[in-house]
Amino acid sequence: MDISLVQLVLLFIVATIIGIGSIFDEFQTHRPLIACTLVGAVLGDMQTGIIVGGVLELLALGWANIGAAVAPDSALASVISTILVIVAKQERDTAIALAIPIAAAGQVLSIFIRAICVSFQHGADKAAETGEWKYINIYHYLGILLYSLRISIIAVLVAVTAGTSIVQDLINGIPDVITNGLNVAGGFIVVVGYAMIINMMRAGHLMPFFFLGFTTAAFTNFNLIGMGIVGLCLAILYIQIHPRYQKGAAVSNGQASNQTQNLADNRLDD
């Protein structure tokens, strides 16, 4: 696929926004579902971008920066994987399998850039001591710009070279054992991501439903709509049976009965 100059410029802008979102975490533009969709729209194949983003979103569901721990770079993996599928005409499974090492490499790059941004922070501290407020803004903007360029520059380079024979031969030269291993690892990461979220929610008592869902998906032919209906029904039954919710309902019913009795007594007194 040949990429026009306009598409390259738009890809640079979109990748920059995605890179900024990965450090701010405010608008979630770095999430695979959004990032892949935007890249797919720029490259003229939004449907493929949505499909790749949906699959990668399951892989990156449990990836989050917690404290000083830097998560794998889902933004870089999303952008590069979508470019490989659309521009390089790679199979989705191959591009998604490559997303795992790309995310790990992006994690190392992110740590390196964070280390560089520490010097910007020191410069901002000195500017604050001397009252040079404009330099404080400049240092902050430099950090944001550097962090966004880590995505946009790589995205443009990959987009320009993805259709060449060198990249094609490099991807095709990856042994099947590695590709298959990455596919299996990607499946495990989905399970680990869901488990991490359940632990973060302190909802360990829901783990039976967690294992039940993956077992049902593995040994049945239910699609996502069918699985969603089954999950909704189980959630409703769980709420109806759980003692905590029954206790709350009993208290509410008791209060309503007391209020009704009080109204009746007041009418008798009148």
C-alpha atoms as a PDB file:
ATOM      1  CA  MET A   1       0.000   0.000   0.000  1.00  0.00           C
ATOM      2  CA  ASP A   2       1.359   3.398  -1.019  1.00  0.00           C
ATOM      3  CA  ILE A   3       0.988   6.172   1.566  1.00  0.00           C
ATOM      4  CA  SER A   4       0.487   9.727   0.408  1.00  0.00           C
ATOM      5  CA  LEU A   5       2.145  12.749   1.943  1.00  0.00           C
ATOM      6  CA  VAL A   6      -1.176  13.875   3.441  1.00  0.00           C
ATOM      7  CA  GLN A   7      -1.599  10.519   5.162  1.00  0.00           C
ATOM      8  CA  LEU A   8       1.915  10.730   6.569  1.00  0.00           C
ATOM      9  CA  VAL A   9       1.231  14.190   7.978  1.00  0.00           C
ATOM     10  CA  LEU A  10      -2.075  13.055   9.476  1.00  0.00           C
ATOM     11  CA  LEU A  11      -0.403   9.932  10.866  1.00  0.00           C
ATOM     12  CA  PHE A  12       2.263  12.093  12.504  1.00  0.00           C
ATOM     13  CA  ILE A  13      -0.416  14.291  14.107  1.00  0.00           C
ATOM     14  CA  VAL A  14      -2.530  11.349  15.280  1.00  0.00           C
ATOM     15  CA  ALA A  15       0.501   9.509  16.649  1.00  0.00           C
ATOM     16  CA  THR A  16       1.552  12.667  18.497  1.00  0.00           C
ATOM     17  CA  ILE A  17      -1.888  12.916  20.125  1.00  0.00           C
ATOM     18  CA  ILE A  18      -1.697   9.231  21.065  1.00  0.00           C
ATOM     19  CA  GLY A  19       1.748   9.767  22.589  1.00  0.00           C
ATOM     20  CA  ILE A  20       0.500  12.725  24.622  1.00  0.00           C
ATOM     21  CA  GLY A  21      -2.465  10.688  25.819  1.00  0.00           C
ATOM     22  CA  SER A  22      -0.160   7.927  27.040  1.00  0.00           C
ATOM     23  CA  ILE A  23       1.467  10.310  29.538  1.00  0.00           C
ATOM     24  CA  PHE A  24      -1.641  12.264  30.566  1.00  0.00           C
ATOM     25  CA  ASP A  25      -4.080   9.315  30.836  1.00  0.00           C
ATOM     26  CA  GLU A  26      -6.939  11.825  30.679  1.00  0.00           C
ATOM     27  CA  PHE A  27      -8.593  11.284  27.313  1.00  0.00           C
ATOM     28  CA  GLN A  28      -7.478   7.639  26.956  1.00  0.00           C
ATOM     29  CA  THR A  29      -6.251   8.214  23.381  1.00  0.00           C
ATOM     30  CA  HIS A  30      -3.433   5.757  24.034  1.00  0.00           C
ATOM     31  CA  ARG A  31      -5.807   2.842  24.590  1.00  0.00           C
ATOM     32  CA  PRO A  32      -5.597   0.306  21.734  1.00  0.00           C
ATOM     33  CA  LEU A  33      -9.249   0.574  20.731  1.00  0.00           C
ATOM     34  CA  ILE A  34      -8.987   4.351  20.231  1.00  0.00           C
ATOM     35  CA  ALA A  35      -5.409   4.456  18.910  1.00  0.00           C
ATOM     36  CA  CYS A  36      -5.906   1.684  16.341  1.00  0.00           C
ATOM     37  CA  THR A  37      -9.192   3.206  15.179  1.00  0.00           C
ATOM     38  CA  LEU A  38      -7.583   6.612  14.616  1.00  0.00           C
ATOM     39  CA  VAL A  39      -4.616   5.126  12.766  1.00  0.00           C
ATOM     40  CA  GLY A  40      -6.949   2.981  10.665  1.00  0.00           C
ATOM     41  CA  ALA A  41      -9.019   6.039   9.768  1.00  0.00           C
ATOM     42  CA  VAL A  42      -5.904   7.911   8.643  1.00  0.00           C
ATOM     43  CA  LEU A  43      -4.695   4.967   6.548  1.00  0.00           C
ATOM     44  CA  GLY A  44      -8.117   4.507   4.942  1.00  0.00           C
ATOM     45  CA  ASP A  45      -9.165   1.266   6.650  1.00  0.00           C
ATOM     46  CA  MET A  46     -11.008   2.102   9.857  1.00  0.00           C
ATOM     47  CA  GLN A  47     -12.693  -1.304  10.032  1.00  0.00           C
ATOM     48  CA  THR A  48      -9.358  -3.108  10.277  1.00  0.00           C
ATOM     49  CA  GLY A  49      -8.208  -0.568  12.851  1.00  0.00           C
ATOM     50  CA  ILE A  50     -11.258  -1.245  15.021  1.00  0.00           C
ATOM     51  CA  ILE A  51     -10.749  -5.018  14.788  1.00  0.00           C
ATOM     52  CA  VAL A  52      -7.046  -4.833  15.677  1.00  0.00           C
ATOM     53  CA  GLY A  53      -7.791  -2.360  18.471  1.00  0.00           C
ATOM     54  CA  GLY A  54     -10.482  -4.598  19.928  1.00  0.00           C
ATOM     55  CA  VAL A  55      -8.105  -7.562  20.116  1.00  0.00           C
ATOM     56  CA  LEU A  56      -5.219  -5.511  21.505  1.00  0.00           C
ATOM     57  CA  GLU A  57      -7.532  -3.927  24.073  1.00  0.00           C
ATOM     58  CA  LEU A  58      -8.013  -7.372  25.611  1.00  0.00           C
ATOM     59  CA  LEU A  59      -4.228  -7.821  25.787  1.00  0.00           C
ATOM     60  CA  ALA A  60      -3.630  -4.411  27.351  1.00  0.00           C
ATOM     61  CA  LEU A  61      -6.615  -4.467  29.693  1.00  0.00           C
ATOM     62  CA  GLY A  62      -4.474  -4.936  32.792  1.00  0.00           C
ATOM     63  CA  TRP A  63      -1.587  -2.710  31.713  1.00  0.00           C
ATOM     64  CA  ALA A  64      -1.433   0.404  33.877  1.00  0.00           C
ATOM     65  CA  ASN A  65       1.228   2.652  35.366  1.00  0.00           C
ATOM     66  CA  ILE A  66       1.075   2.059  39.116  1.00  0.00           C
ATOM     67  CA  GLY A  67       3.396   4.168  41.236  1.00  0.00           C
ATOM     68  CA  ALA A  68       6.906   4.058  39.791  1.00  0.00           C
ATOM     69  CA  ALA A  69       6.151   0.910  37.756  1.00  0.00           C
ATOM     70  CA  VAL A  70       5.937   1.607  34.011  1.00  0.00           C
ATOM     71  CA  ALA A  71       3.522  -0.618  32.104  1.00  0.00           C
ATOM     72  CA  PRO A  72       4.221  -2.004  28.622  1.00  0.00           C
ATOM     73  CA  ASP A  73       3.689   0.642  25.974  1.00  0.00           C
ATOM     74  CA  SER A  74       0.229  -0.115  24.584  1.00  0.00           C
ATOM     75  CA  ALA A  75       0.234   3.088  22.516  1.00  0.00           C
ATOM     76  CA  LEU A  76       3.335   2.178  20.502  1.00  0.00           C
ATOM     77  CA  ALA A  77       2.179  -1.423  20.091  1.00  0.00           C
ATOM     78  CA  SER A  78      -1.239  -0.296  18.849  1.00  0.00           C
ATOM     79  CA  VAL A  79       0.113   2.155  16.275  1.00  0.00           C
ATOM     80  CA  ILE A  80       2.787  -0.168  14.878  1.00  0.00           C
ATOM     81  CA  SER A  81       0.517  -3.226  14.751  1.00  0.00           C
ATOM     82  CA  THR A  82      -2.166  -1.335  12.840  1.00  0.00           C
ATOM     83  CA  ILE A  83       0.393  -0.014  10.344  1.00  0.00           C
ATOM     84  CA  LEU A  84       1.759  -3.520   9.780  1.00  0.00           C
ATOM     85  CA  VAL A  85      -1.701  -4.926   9.109  1.00  0.00           C
ATOM     86  CA  ILE A  86      -2.895  -2.146   6.779  1.00  0.00           C
ATOM     87  CA  VAL A  87       0.293  -0.976   5.054  1.00  0.00           C
ATOM     88  CA  ALA A  88       2.460  -4.101   5.120  1.00  0.00           C
ATOM     89  CA  LYS A  89      -0.544  -6.400   4.466  1.00  0.00           C
ATOM     90  CA  GLN A  90       0.438  -8.680   7.323  1.00  0.00           C
ATOM     91  CA  GLU A  91      -1.917 -11.168   8.881  1.00  0.00           C
ATOM     92  CA  ARG A  92      -3.698  -9.857  11.945  1.00  0.00           C
ATOM     93  CA  ASP A  93      -2.421 -12.710  14.099  1.00  0.00           C
ATOM     94  CA  THR A  94       1.167 -11.958  13.114  1.00  0.00           C
ATOM     95  CA  ALA A  95       0.852  -8.230  13.805  1.00  0.00           C
ATOM     96  CA  ILE A  96      -0.917  -8.844  17.118  1.00  0.00           C
ATOM     97  CA  ALA A  97       1.764 -11.346  18.132  1.00  0.00           C
ATOM     98  CA  LEU A  98       4.432  -8.738  17.362  1.00  0.00           C
ATOM     99  CA  ALA A  99       2.571  -6.242  19.552  1.00  0.00           C
ATOM    100  CA  ILE A 100       3.872  -7.956  22.691  1.00  0.00           C
ATOM    101  CA  PRO A 101       7.626  -7.431  22.043  1.00  0.00           C
ATOM    102  CA  ILE A 102       6.882  -3.980  20.595  1.00  0.00           C
ATOM    103  CA  ALA A 103       5.111  -3.035  23.835  1.00  0.00           C
ATOM    104  CA  ALA A 104       8.077  -4.335  25.845  1.00  0.00           C
ATOM    105  CA  ALA A 105      10.521  -2.312  23.711  1.00  0.00           C
ATOM    106  CA  GLY A 106       8.295   0.749  24.105  1.00  0.00           C
ATOM    107  CA  GLN A 107       8.353   0.235  27.852  1.00  0.00           C
ATOM    108  CA  VAL A 108      12.158   0.498  27.860  1.00  0.00           C
ATOM    109  CA  LEU A 109      12.007   3.567  25.600  1.00  0.00           C
ATOM    110  CA  SER A 110       9.430   5.157  27.896  1.00  0.00           C
ATOM    111  CA  ILE A 111      11.669   4.660  30.937  1.00  0.00           C
ATOM    112  CA  PHE A 112      14.596   6.214  29.045  1.00  0.00           C
ATOM    113  CA  ILE A 113      12.544   9.281  28.096  1.00  0.00           C
ATOM    114  CA  ARG A 114      11.270   9.645  31.656  1.00  0.00           C
ATOM    115  CA  ALA A 115      14.891   9.722  32.823  1.00  0.00           C
ATOM    116  CA  ILE A 116      15.620  12.536  30.347  1.00  0.00           C
ATOM    117  CA  CYS A 117      12.555  14.478  31.520  1.00  0.00           C
ATOM    118  CA  VAL A 118      13.990  14.535  35.040  1.00  0.00           C
ATOM    119  CA  SER A 119      16.503  17.140  33.845  1.00  0.00           C
ATOM    120  CA  PHE A 120      13.583  19.252  32.594  1.00  0.00           C
ATOM    121  CA  GLN A 121      12.068  19.092  36.058  1.00  0.00           C
ATOM    122  CA  HIS A 122      15.289  20.321  37.632  1.00  0.00           C
ATOM    123  CA  GLY A 123      15.358  23.182  35.135  1.00  0.00           C
ATOM    124  CA  ALA A 124      11.766  24.071  36.040  1.00  0.00           C
ATOM    125  CA  ASP A 125      12.697  24.087  39.734  1.00  0.00           C
ATOM    126  CA  LYS A 126      15.545  26.534  39.104  1.00  0.00           C
ATOM    127  CA  ALA A 127      13.267  28.720  36.975  1.00  0.00           C
ATOM    128  CA  ALA A 128      10.731  28.768  39.817  1.00  0.00           C
ATOM    129  CA  GLU A 129      13.417  29.935  42.250  1.00  0.00           C
ATOM    130  CA  THR A 130      14.305  32.890  39.998  1.00  0.00           C
ATOM    131  CA  GLY A 131      10.695  33.646  39.100  1.00  0.00           C
ATOM    132  CA  GLU A 132      11.101  32.928  35.373  1.00  0.00           C
ATOM    133  CA  TRP A 133       7.630  31.517  34.848  1.00  0.00           C
ATOM    134  CA  LYS A 134       7.793  31.265  31.059  1.00  0.00           C
ATOM    135  CA  TYR A 135      10.697  28.826  31.296  1.00  0.00           C
ATOM    136  CA  ILE A 136       8.648  26.607  33.590  1.00  0.00           C
ATOM    137  CA  ASN A 137       6.042  26.287  30.837  1.00  0.00           C
ATOM    138  CA  ILE A 138       8.760  25.676  28.252  1.00  0.00           C
ATOM    139  CA  TYR A 139      10.265  22.815  30.274  1.00  0.00           C
ATOM    140  CA  HIS A 140       6.863  21.205  30.722  1.00  0.00           C
ATOM    141  CA  TYR A 141       6.063  21.486  27.024  1.00  0.00           C
ATOM    142  CA  LEU A 142       9.469  20.019  26.150  1.00  0.00           C
ATOM    143  CA  GLY A 143       8.742  16.963  28.275  1.00  0.00           C
ATOM    144  CA  ILE A 144       5.342  16.459  26.658  1.00  0.00           C
ATOM    145  CA  LEU A 145       6.800  16.966  23.176  1.00  0.00           C
ATOM    146  CA  LEU A 146       9.619  14.490  23.756  1.00  0.00           C
ATOM    147  CA  TYR A 147       7.223  11.900  25.087  1.00  0.00           C
ATOM    148  CA  SER A 148       4.871  12.287  22.111  1.00  0.00           C
ATOM    149  CA  LEU A 149       7.640  12.147  19.509  1.00  0.00           C
ATOM    150  CA  ARG A 150       8.604   8.674  20.682  1.00  0.00           C
ATOM    151  CA  ILE A 151       5.369   7.477  19.040  1.00  0.00           C
ATOM    152  CA  SER A 152       5.025   9.799  16.047  1.00  0.00           C
ATOM    153  CA  ILE A 153       8.589   9.485  14.682  1.00  0.00           C
ATOM    154  CA  ILE A 154       8.589   5.687  14.911  1.00  0.00           C
ATOM    155  CA  ALA A 155       5.108   5.543  13.370  1.00  0.00           C
ATOM    156  CA  VAL A 156       6.153   7.584  10.335  1.00  0.00           C
ATOM    157  CA  LEU A 157       9.356   5.561   9.863  1.00  0.00           C
ATOM    158  CA  VAL A 158       7.464   2.271  10.032  1.00  0.00           C
ATOM    159  CA  ALA A 159       4.743   3.554   7.687  1.00  0.00           C
ATOM    160  CA  VAL A 160       7.325   4.615   5.097  1.00  0.00           C
ATOM    161  CA  THR A 161       9.290   1.365   5.238  1.00  0.00           C
ATOM    162  CA  ALA A 162       6.460  -1.103   5.961  1.00  0.00           C
ATOM    163  CA  GLY A 163       5.710  -1.714   2.293  1.00  0.00           C
ATOM    164  CA  THR A 164       9.327  -2.361   1.315  1.00  0.00           C
ATOM    165  CA  SER A 165      10.779  -5.801   0.723  1.00  0.00           C
ATOM    166  CA  ILE A 166      13.219  -5.376   3.616  1.00  0.00           C
ATOM    167  CA  VAL A 167      10.446  -5.164   6.199  1.00  0.00           C
ATOM    168  CA  GLN A 168       8.474  -7.924   4.489  1.00  0.00           C
ATOM    169  CA  ASP A 169      11.476 -10.263   4.514  1.00  0.00           C
ATOM    170  CA  LEU A 170      12.227  -9.363   8.125  1.00  0.00           C
ATOM    171  CA  ILE A 171       8.718 -10.195   9.288  1.00  0.00           C
ATOM    172  CA  ASN A 172       8.473 -13.325   7.156  1.00  0.00           C
ATOM    173  CA  GLY A 173      11.853 -14.457   8.475  1.00  0.00           C
ATOM    174  CA  ILE A 174      10.554 -14.765  12.028  1.00  0.00           C
ATOM    175  CA  PRO A 175      10.397 -18.509  12.862  1.00  0.00           C
ATOM    176  CA  ASP A 176       6.951 -19.993  13.319  1.00  0.00           C
ATOM    177  CA  VAL A 177       7.874 -21.251  16.774  1.00  0.00           C
ATOM    178  CA  ILE A 178       8.388 -17.656  17.937  1.00  0.00           C
ATOM    179  CA  THR A 179       5.200 -16.396  16.301  1.00  0.00           C
ATOM    180  CA  ASN A 180       3.150 -19.248  17.736  1.00  0.00           C
ATOM    181  CA  GLY A 181       4.732 -18.724  21.134  1.00  0.00           C
ATOM    182  CA  LEU A 182       3.817 -15.044  21.075  1.00  0.00           C
ATOM    183  CA  ASN A 183       0.246 -15.941  20.120  1.00  0.00           C
ATOM    184  CA  VAL A 184      -0.008 -18.286  23.099  1.00  0.00           C
ATOM    185  CA  ALA A 185       1.554 -15.662  25.361  1.00  0.00           C
ATOM    186  CA  GLY A 186      -0.974 -13.128  24.101  1.00  0.00           C
ATOM    187  CA  GLY A 187      -3.798 -15.432  25.146  1.00  0.00           C
ATOM    188  CA  PHE A 188      -2.317 -15.764  28.628  1.00  0.00           C
ATOM    189  CA  ILE A 189      -1.917 -11.994  28.919  1.00  0.00           C
ATOM    190  CA  VAL A 190      -5.654 -11.541  28.384  1.00  0.00           C
ATOM    191  CA  VAL A 191      -6.373 -13.826  31.339  1.00  0.00           C
ATOM    192  CA  VAL A 192      -3.749 -12.122  33.490  1.00  0.00           C
ATOM    193  CA  GLY A 193      -5.162  -8.695  32.576  1.00  0.00           C
ATOM    194  CA  TYR A 194      -8.655  -9.606  33.763  1.00  0.00           C
ATOM    195  CA  ALA A 195      -7.243 -11.189  36.932  1.00  0.00           C
ATOM    196  CA  MET A 196      -5.245  -8.026  37.717  1.00  0.00           C
ATOM    197  CA  ILE A 197      -8.376  -5.892  37.384  1.00  0.00           C
ATOM    198  CA  ILE A 198     -10.334  -8.183  39.704  1.00  0.00           C
ATOM    199  CA  ASN A 199      -7.529  -8.007  42.281  1.00  0.00           C
ATOM    200  CA  MET A 200      -7.330  -4.209  41.968  1.00  0.00           C
ATOM    201  CA  MET A 201     -11.084  -4.036  42.569  1.00  0.00           C
ATOM    202  CA  ARG A 202     -10.607  -6.258  45.645  1.00  0.00           C
ATOM    203  CA  ALA A 203     -13.288  -8.524  44.261  1.00  0.00           C
ATOM    204  CA  GLY A 204     -11.586 -11.873  44.706  1.00  0.00           C
ATOM    205  CA  HIS A 205     -14.934 -13.455  45.513  1.00  0.00           C
ATOM    206  CA  LEU A 206     -15.825 -13.021  41.830  1.00  0.00           C
ATOM    207  CA  MET A 207     -12.975 -15.289  40.663  1.00  0.00           C
ATOM    208  CA  PRO A 208     -15.320 -18.291  40.114  1.00  0.00           C
ATOM    209  CA  PHE A 209     -17.197 -16.246  37.509  1.00  0.00           C
ATOM    210  CA  PHE A 210     -13.835 -15.307  35.992  1.00  0.00           C
ATOM    211  CA  PHE A 211     -12.806 -18.938  35.461  1.00  0.00           C
ATOM    212  CA  LEU A 212     -16.336 -19.909  34.443  1.00  0.00           C
ATOM    213  CA  GLY A 213     -16.359 -17.275  31.687  1.00  0.00           C
ATOM    214  CA  PHE A 214     -13.053 -18.338  30.144  1.00  0.00           C
ATOM    215  CA  THR A 215     -13.956 -22.027  30.401  1.00  0.00           C
ATOM    216  CA  THR A 216     -17.307 -21.419  28.699  1.00  0.00           C
ATOM    217  CA  ALA A 217     -15.650 -19.401  25.940  1.00  0.00           C
ATOM    218  CA  ALA A 218     -13.036 -22.109  25.360  1.00  0.00           C
ATOM    219  CA  PHE A 219     -15.347 -25.139  25.216  1.00  0.00           C
ATOM    220  CA  THR A 220     -18.461 -23.668  23.578  1.00  0.00           C
ATOM    221  CA  ASN A 221     -19.328 -21.821  20.392  1.00  0.00           C
ATOM    222  CA  PHE A 222     -20.997 -18.845  22.057  1.00  0.00           C
ATOM    223  CA  ASN A 223     -20.335 -15.506  20.400  1.00  0.00           C
ATOM    224  CA  LEU A 224     -19.837 -12.244  22.301  1.00  0.00           C
ATOM    225  CA  ILE A 225     -23.567 -11.485  22.340  1.00  0.00           C
ATOM    226  CA  GLY A 226     -24.366 -14.895  23.813  1.00  0.00           C
ATOM    227  CA  MET A 227     -21.591 -14.596  26.393  1.00  0.00           C
ATOM    228  CA  GLY A 228     -22.825 -11.135  27.326  1.00  0.00           C
ATOM    229  CA  ILE A 229     -26.377 -12.376  27.889  1.00  0.00           C
ATOM    230  CA  VAL A 230     -25.131 -15.285  30.021  1.00  0.00           C
ATOM    231  CA  GLY A 231     -22.942 -12.929  32.050  1.00  0.00           C
ATOM    232  CA  LEU A 232     -25.818 -10.486  32.584  1.00  0.00           C
ATOM    233  CA  CYS A 233     -28.111 -13.271  33.785  1.00  0.00           C
ATOM    234  CA  LEU A 234     -25.453 -14.583  36.184  1.00  0.00           C
ATOM    235  CA  ALA A 235     -24.893 -11.066  37.546  1.00  0.00           C
ATOM    236  CA  ILE A 236     -28.628 -10.602  38.176  1.00  0.00           C
ATOM    237  CA  LEU A 237     -28.877 -13.996  39.895  1.00  0.00           C
ATOM    238  CA  TYR A 238     -25.803 -13.215  41.995  1.00  0.00           C
ATOM    239  CA  ILE A 239     -27.321  -9.940  43.210  1.00  0.00           C
ATOM    240  CA  GLN A 240     -30.614 -11.632  44.029  1.00  0.00           C
ATOM    241  CA  ILE A 241     -28.983 -14.478  45.980  1.00  0.00           C
ATOM    242  CA  HIS A 242     -26.130 -12.688  47.762  1.00  0.00           C
ATOM    243  CA  PRO A 243     -26.921 -12.178  51.493  1.00  0.00           C
ATOM    244  CA  ARG A 244     -25.538  -8.649  51.557  1.00  0.00           C
ATOM    245  CA  TYR A 245     -28.015  -7.444  48.971  1.00  0.00           C
ATOM    246  CA  GLN A 246     -30.807  -9.422  50.613  1.00  0.00           C
ATOM    247  CA  LYS A 247     -29.982  -7.743  53.915  1.00  0.00           C
ATOM    248  CA  GLY A 248     -30.195  -4.315  52.310  1.00  0.00           C
ATOM    249  CA  ALA A 249     -33.523  -5.198  50.724  1.00  0.00           C
ATOM    250  CA  ALA A 250     -34.838  -6.481  54.059  1.00  0.00           C
ATOM    251  CA  VAL A 251     -33.829  -3.246  55.802  1.00  0.00           C
ATOM    252  CA  SER A 252     -35.530  -1.183  53.101  1.00  0.00           C
ATOM    253  CA  ASN A 253     -38.682  -3.284  53.351  1.00  0.00           C
ATOM    254  CA  GLY A 254     -38.598  -2.975  57.148  1.00  0.00           C
ATOM    255  CA  GLN A 255     -38.309   0.795  56.975  1.00  0.00           C
ATOM    256  CA  ALA A 256     -41.164   0.955  54.488  1.00  0.00           C
ATOM    257  CA  SER A 257     -43.318  -1.235  56.765  1.00  0.00           C
ATOM    258  CA  ASN A 258     -42.549   0.975  59.772  1.00  0.00           C
ATOM    259  CA  GLN A 259     -43.470   4.096  57.849  1.00  0.00           C
ATOM    260  CA  THR A 260     -46.759   2.492  56.745  1.00  0.00           C
ATOM    261  CA  GLN A 261     -47.524   1.414  60.316  1.00  0.00           C
ATOM    262  CA  ASN A 262     -46.785   4.895  61.635  1.00  0.00           C
ATOM    263  CA  LEU A 263     -49.143   6.457  59.107  1.00  0.00           C
ATOM    264  CA  ALA A 264     -51.871   4.000  60.072  1.00  0.00           C
ATOM    265  CA  ASP A 265     -51.383   4.740  63.801  1.00  0.00           C
ATOM    266  CA  ASN A 266     -51.550   8.479  63.158  1.00  0.00           C
ATOM    267  CA  ARG A 267     -54.821   8.108  61.304  1.00  0.00           C
ATOM    268  CA  LEU A 268     -56.306   6.055  64.177  1.00  0.00           C
ATOM    269  CA  ASP A 269     -55.241   8.701  66.669  1.00  0.00           C
ATOM    270  CA  ASP A 270     -56.920  11.385  64.596  1.00  0.00           C
END
